[in-house]
Amino acid sequence: MQKKNQSGKSLKFKLISLSLFTTFLFGLVCAGVLKYIVNTQEKAQLNSFEAYGQNLSDAIAAQFFERYGDIQAFSISPAMQSSNKASIVEMLNTFSAMYGIYDLIMLVDTNGGLIAVNHKAPDGKDISVESLYKSNYSETPWFKAVMTGQ
């Protein structure tokens, strides 16, 4: 028979209650710690994605800046400012080989007519460009974008 103390509750009941209360308290603490860890990990992931996005944005901006610099270098070349088609084509071949990222460089007038185009790829192989001289580019999306300042 269980002995009851003065409050009328047995020692067994008190021990079970204390164990349950302690287990519940530890469970609450663990849930709080888990929530803190999950929030910390989410913030770390968001910061990581934000840093990745910023790095990607910086890399893209750097490429645009470099291409803008390339165009400036192209435009101040005496060969590009001459009216000698052969010297312009030779300079375009040189630019293609030197920069290595331009497969085809076209110099087009403000009416969409092709003035000159490189006929050598960056690796030095010949490119068939004769058919390009037969076209007018005034209706192409890229030409319209350039002419409207986009």
C-alpha atoms as a PDB file:
ATOM      1  CA  MET A   1       0.000   0.000   0.000  1.00  0.00           C
ATOM      2  CA  GLN A   2       1.316   3.422  -0.891  1.00  0.00           C
ATOM      3  CA  LYS A   3       2.014   5.838   1.798  1.00  0.00           C
ATOM      4  CA  LYS A   4       0.493   9.259   1.434  1.00  0.00           C
ATOM      5  CA  ASN A   5       2.172  12.328   2.824  1.00  0.00           C
ATOM      6  CA  GLN A   6       0.462  15.260   4.450  1.00  0.00           C
ATOM      7  CA  SER A   7      -0.757  16.809   1.173  1.00  0.00           C
ATOM      8  CA  GLY A   8      -2.516  13.581   0.277  1.00  0.00           C
ATOM      9  CA  LYS A   9      -0.356  12.661  -2.734  1.00  0.00           C
ATOM     10  CA  SER A  10       1.854   9.648  -2.860  1.00  0.00           C
ATOM     11  CA  LEU A  11       5.616   9.792  -3.321  1.00  0.00           C
ATOM     12  CA  LYS A  12       5.273   7.775  -6.530  1.00  0.00           C
ATOM     13  CA  PHE A  13       2.860  10.369  -7.974  1.00  0.00           C
ATOM     14  CA  LYS A  14       5.229  13.176  -7.022  1.00  0.00           C
ATOM     15  CA  LEU A  15       8.214  11.445  -8.640  1.00  0.00           C
ATOM     16  CA  ILE A  16       6.275  10.732 -11.828  1.00  0.00           C
ATOM     17  CA  SER A  17       4.990  14.320 -11.924  1.00  0.00           C
ATOM     18  CA  LEU A  18       8.486  15.695 -11.358  1.00  0.00           C
ATOM     19  CA  SER A  19       9.874  13.440 -14.125  1.00  0.00           C
ATOM     20  CA  LEU A  20       7.129  14.478 -16.542  1.00  0.00           C
ATOM     21  CA  PHE A  21       7.608  18.166 -15.707  1.00  0.00           C
ATOM     22  CA  THR A  22      11.399  17.869 -16.153  1.00  0.00           C
ATOM     23  CA  THR A  23      10.948  16.024 -19.479  1.00  0.00           C
ATOM     24  CA  PHE A  24       8.466  18.679 -20.660  1.00  0.00           C
ATOM     25  CA  LEU A  25      10.831  21.472 -19.612  1.00  0.00           C
ATOM     26  CA  PHE A  26      13.771  19.864 -21.452  1.00  0.00           C
ATOM     27  CA  GLY A  27      11.506  19.373 -24.488  1.00  0.00           C
ATOM     28  CA  LEU A  28      10.633  23.083 -24.489  1.00  0.00           C
ATOM     29  CA  VAL A  29      14.300  24.035 -24.190  1.00  0.00           C
ATOM     30  CA  CYS A  30      15.239  21.650 -27.031  1.00  0.00           C
ATOM     31  CA  ALA A  31      12.413  23.019 -29.219  1.00  0.00           C
ATOM     32  CA  GLY A  32      13.657  26.561 -28.563  1.00  0.00           C
ATOM     33  CA  VAL A  33      17.243  25.623 -29.395  1.00  0.00           C
ATOM     34  CA  LEU A  34      16.098  23.805 -32.542  1.00  0.00           C
ATOM     35  CA  LYS A  35      14.061  26.835 -33.651  1.00  0.00           C
ATOM     36  CA  TYR A  36      17.088  29.092 -33.052  1.00  0.00           C
ATOM     37  CA  ILE A  37      19.346  26.763 -35.082  1.00  0.00           C
ATOM     38  CA  VAL A  38      16.839  26.552 -37.948  1.00  0.00           C
ATOM     39  CA  ASN A  39      16.485  30.353 -38.045  1.00  0.00           C
ATOM     40  CA  THR A  40      20.265  30.774 -37.968  1.00  0.00           C
ATOM     41  CA  GLN A  41      20.676  28.295 -40.846  1.00  0.00           C
ATOM     42  CA  GLU A  42      17.960  30.025 -42.877  1.00  0.00           C
ATOM     43  CA  LYS A  43      19.659  33.387 -42.395  1.00  0.00           C
ATOM     44  CA  ALA A  44      23.014  31.872 -43.346  1.00  0.00           C
ATOM     45  CA  GLN A  45      21.500  30.364 -46.518  1.00  0.00           C
ATOM     46  CA  LEU A  46      19.852  33.664 -47.439  1.00  0.00           C
ATOM     47  CA  ASN A  47      23.126  35.503 -46.865  1.00  0.00           C
ATOM     48  CA  SER A  48      24.913  32.920 -49.000  1.00  0.00           C
ATOM     49  CA  PHE A  49      22.409  33.352 -51.850  1.00  0.00           C
ATOM     50  CA  GLU A  50      22.628  37.115 -51.512  1.00  0.00           C
ATOM     51  CA  ALA A  51      26.432  36.989 -51.697  1.00  0.00           C
ATOM     52  CA  TYR A  52      26.257  34.655 -54.708  1.00  0.00           C
ATOM     53  CA  GLY A  53      23.809  36.996 -56.427  1.00  0.00           C
ATOM     54  CA  GLN A  54      26.004  40.006 -55.701  1.00  0.00           C
ATOM     55  CA  ASN A  55      29.091  38.225 -57.050  1.00  0.00           C
ATOM     56  CA  LEU A  56      27.211  37.218 -60.184  1.00  0.00           C
ATOM     57  CA  SER A  57      25.956  40.775 -60.632  1.00  0.00           C
ATOM     58  CA  ASP A  58      29.486  42.131 -60.236  1.00  0.00           C
ATOM     59  CA  ALA A  59      30.831  39.624 -62.783  1.00  0.00           C
ATOM     60  CA  ILE A  60      28.167  40.567 -65.326  1.00  0.00           C
ATOM     61  CA  ALA A  61      28.776  44.277 -64.749  1.00  0.00           C
ATOM     62  CA  ALA A  62      32.513  43.733 -65.230  1.00  0.00           C
ATOM     63  CA  GLN A  63      31.866  41.983 -68.555  1.00  0.00           C
ATOM     64  CA  PHE A  64      29.698  44.864 -69.773  1.00  0.00           C
ATOM     65  CA  PHE A  65      32.355  47.344 -68.689  1.00  0.00           C
ATOM     66  CA  GLU A  66      35.064  45.377 -70.505  1.00  0.00           C
ATOM     67  CA  ARG A  67      32.980  45.115 -73.686  1.00  0.00           C
ATOM     68  CA  TYR A  68      32.337  48.874 -73.520  1.00  0.00           C
ATOM     69  CA  GLY A  69      36.103  49.387 -73.247  1.00  0.00           C
ATOM     70  CA  ASP A  70      36.633  47.106 -76.238  1.00  0.00           C
ATOM     71  CA  ILE A  71      34.244  49.175 -78.352  1.00  0.00           C
ATOM     72  CA  GLN A  72      36.064  52.348 -77.343  1.00  0.00           C
ATOM     73  CA  ALA A  73      39.392  50.783 -78.332  1.00  0.00           C
ATOM     74  CA  PHE A  74      37.914  49.645 -81.650  1.00  0.00           C
ATOM     75  CA  SER A  75      36.490  53.063 -82.440  1.00  0.00           C
ATOM     76  CA  ILE A  76      39.701  55.054 -81.897  1.00  0.00           C
ATOM     77  CA  SER A  77      41.764  52.781 -84.100  1.00  0.00           C
ATOM     78  CA  PRO A  78      43.022  54.755 -87.123  1.00  0.00           C
ATOM     79  CA  ALA A  79      42.258  51.754 -89.347  1.00  0.00           C
ATOM     80  CA  MET A  80      38.600  51.794 -88.216  1.00  0.00           C
ATOM     81  CA  GLN A  81      38.336  55.503 -88.968  1.00  0.00           C
ATOM     82  CA  SER A  82      39.776  55.137 -92.449  1.00  0.00           C
ATOM     83  CA  SER A  83      37.718  54.532 -95.532  1.00  0.00           C
ATOM     84  CA  ASN A  84      39.986  51.711 -96.658  1.00  0.00           C
ATOM     85  CA  LYS A  85      37.914  48.512 -96.427  1.00  0.00           C
ATOM     86  CA  ALA A  86      40.987  46.231 -96.570  1.00  0.00           C
ATOM     87  CA  SER A  87      42.644  47.941 -93.588  1.00  0.00           C
ATOM     88  CA  ILE A  88      39.359  47.841 -91.623  1.00  0.00           C
ATOM     89  CA  VAL A  89      38.925  44.114 -92.322  1.00  0.00           C
ATOM     90  CA  GLU A  90      42.533  43.451 -91.317  1.00  0.00           C
ATOM     91  CA  MET A  91      42.026  45.373 -88.069  1.00  0.00           C
ATOM     92  CA  LEU A  92      38.807  43.421 -87.372  1.00  0.00           C
ATOM     93  CA  ASN A  93      40.743  40.172 -87.930  1.00  0.00           C
ATOM     94  CA  THR A  94      43.380  41.439 -85.486  1.00  0.00           C
ATOM     95  CA  PHE A  95      40.728  42.330 -82.887  1.00  0.00           C
ATOM     96  CA  SER A  96      39.077  38.927 -83.250  1.00  0.00           C
ATOM     97  CA  ALA A  97      42.391  37.109 -82.720  1.00  0.00           C
ATOM     98  CA  MET A  98      43.596  39.457 -79.975  1.00  0.00           C
ATOM     99  CA  TYR A  99      40.429  39.421 -77.838  1.00  0.00           C
ATOM    100  CA  GLY A 100      39.470  35.819 -78.584  1.00  0.00           C
ATOM    101  CA  ILE A 101      35.805  36.257 -77.672  1.00  0.00           C
ATOM    102  CA  TYR A 102      34.490  37.888 -80.846  1.00  0.00           C
ATOM    103  CA  ASP A 103      33.727  35.355 -83.560  1.00  0.00           C
ATOM    104  CA  LEU A 104      32.234  37.933 -85.893  1.00  0.00           C
ATOM    105  CA  ILE A 105      32.764  41.702 -85.778  1.00  0.00           C
ATOM    106  CA  MET A 106      30.674  43.732 -88.183  1.00  0.00           C
ATOM    107  CA  LEU A 107      31.066  47.434 -88.954  1.00  0.00           C
ATOM    108  CA  VAL A 108      27.674  48.667 -90.152  1.00  0.00           C
ATOM    109  CA  ASP A 109      26.754  52.183 -91.289  1.00  0.00           C
ATOM    110  CA  THR A 110      23.777  54.122 -89.911  1.00  0.00           C
ATOM    111  CA  ASN A 111      21.601  52.905 -92.787  1.00  0.00           C
ATOM    112  CA  GLY A 112      22.211  49.227 -91.970  1.00  0.00           C
ATOM    113  CA  GLY A 113      24.718  48.602 -94.742  1.00  0.00           C
ATOM    114  CA  LEU A 114      27.705  46.405 -93.951  1.00  0.00           C
ATOM    115  CA  ILE A 115      30.979  48.295 -94.334  1.00  0.00           C
ATOM    116  CA  ALA A 116      33.359  45.550 -93.216  1.00  0.00           C
ATOM    117  CA  VAL A 117      33.489  42.254 -91.339  1.00  0.00           C
ATOM    118  CA  ASN A 118      36.343  40.065 -90.154  1.00  0.00           C
ATOM    119  CA  HIS A 119      36.954  36.984 -92.279  1.00  0.00           C
ATOM    120  CA  LYS A 120      39.194  35.175 -89.764  1.00  0.00           C
ATOM    121  CA  ALA A 121      37.931  33.470 -86.601  1.00  0.00           C
ATOM    122  CA  PRO A 122      39.809  33.963 -83.304  1.00  0.00           C
ATOM    123  CA  ASP A 123      41.661  30.692 -83.992  1.00  0.00           C
ATOM    124  CA  GLY A 124      42.782  31.995 -87.427  1.00  0.00           C
ATOM    125  CA  LYS A 125      40.447  29.856 -89.542  1.00  0.00           C
ATOM    126  CA  ASP A 126      38.709  31.484 -92.493  1.00  0.00           C
ATOM    127  CA  ILE A 127      35.055  32.515 -92.145  1.00  0.00           C
ATOM    128  CA  SER A 128      32.777  32.697 -95.169  1.00  0.00           C
ATOM    129  CA  VAL A 129      31.406  36.246 -95.008  1.00  0.00           C
ATOM    130  CA  GLU A 130      30.601  37.109 -98.630  1.00  0.00           C
ATOM    131  CA  SER A 131      26.855  36.576 -98.135  1.00  0.00           C
ATOM    132  CA  LEU A 132      26.849  39.050 -95.220  1.00  0.00           C
ATOM    133  CA  TYR A 133      27.689  41.925 -97.570  1.00  0.00           C
ATOM    134  CA  LYS A 134      24.480  41.259 -99.544  1.00  0.00           C
ATOM    135  CA  SER A 135      22.209  41.997 -96.553  1.00  0.00           C
ATOM    136  CA  ASN A 136      20.954  45.217 -95.078  1.00  0.00           C
ATOM    137  CA  TYR A 137      20.674  45.104 -91.291  1.00  0.00           C
ATOM    138  CA  SER A 138      18.416  48.112 -90.704  1.00  0.00           C
ATOM    139  CA  GLU A 139      15.434  45.883 -89.788  1.00  0.00           C
ATOM    140  CA  THR A 140      17.270  43.564 -87.391  1.00  0.00           C
ATOM    141  CA  PRO A 141      16.445  43.866 -83.677  1.00  0.00           C
ATOM    142  CA  TRP A 142      20.074  44.515 -82.679  1.00  0.00           C
ATOM    143  CA  PHE A 143      20.453  47.334 -85.235  1.00  0.00           C
ATOM    144  CA  LYS A 144      17.194  48.972 -84.133  1.00  0.00           C
ATOM    145  CA  ALA A 145      18.269  48.692 -80.475  1.00  0.00           C
ATOM    146  CA  VAL A 146      21.596  50.386 -81.226  1.00  0.00           C
ATOM    147  CA  MET A 147      20.010  53.145 -83.279  1.00  0.00           C
ATOM    148  CA  THR A 148      17.467  53.923 -80.533  1.00  0.00           C
ATOM    149  CA  GLY A 149      20.151  54.024 -77.839  1.00  0.00           C
ATOM    150  CA  GLN A 150      19.169  50.835 -76.083  1.00  0.00           C
END
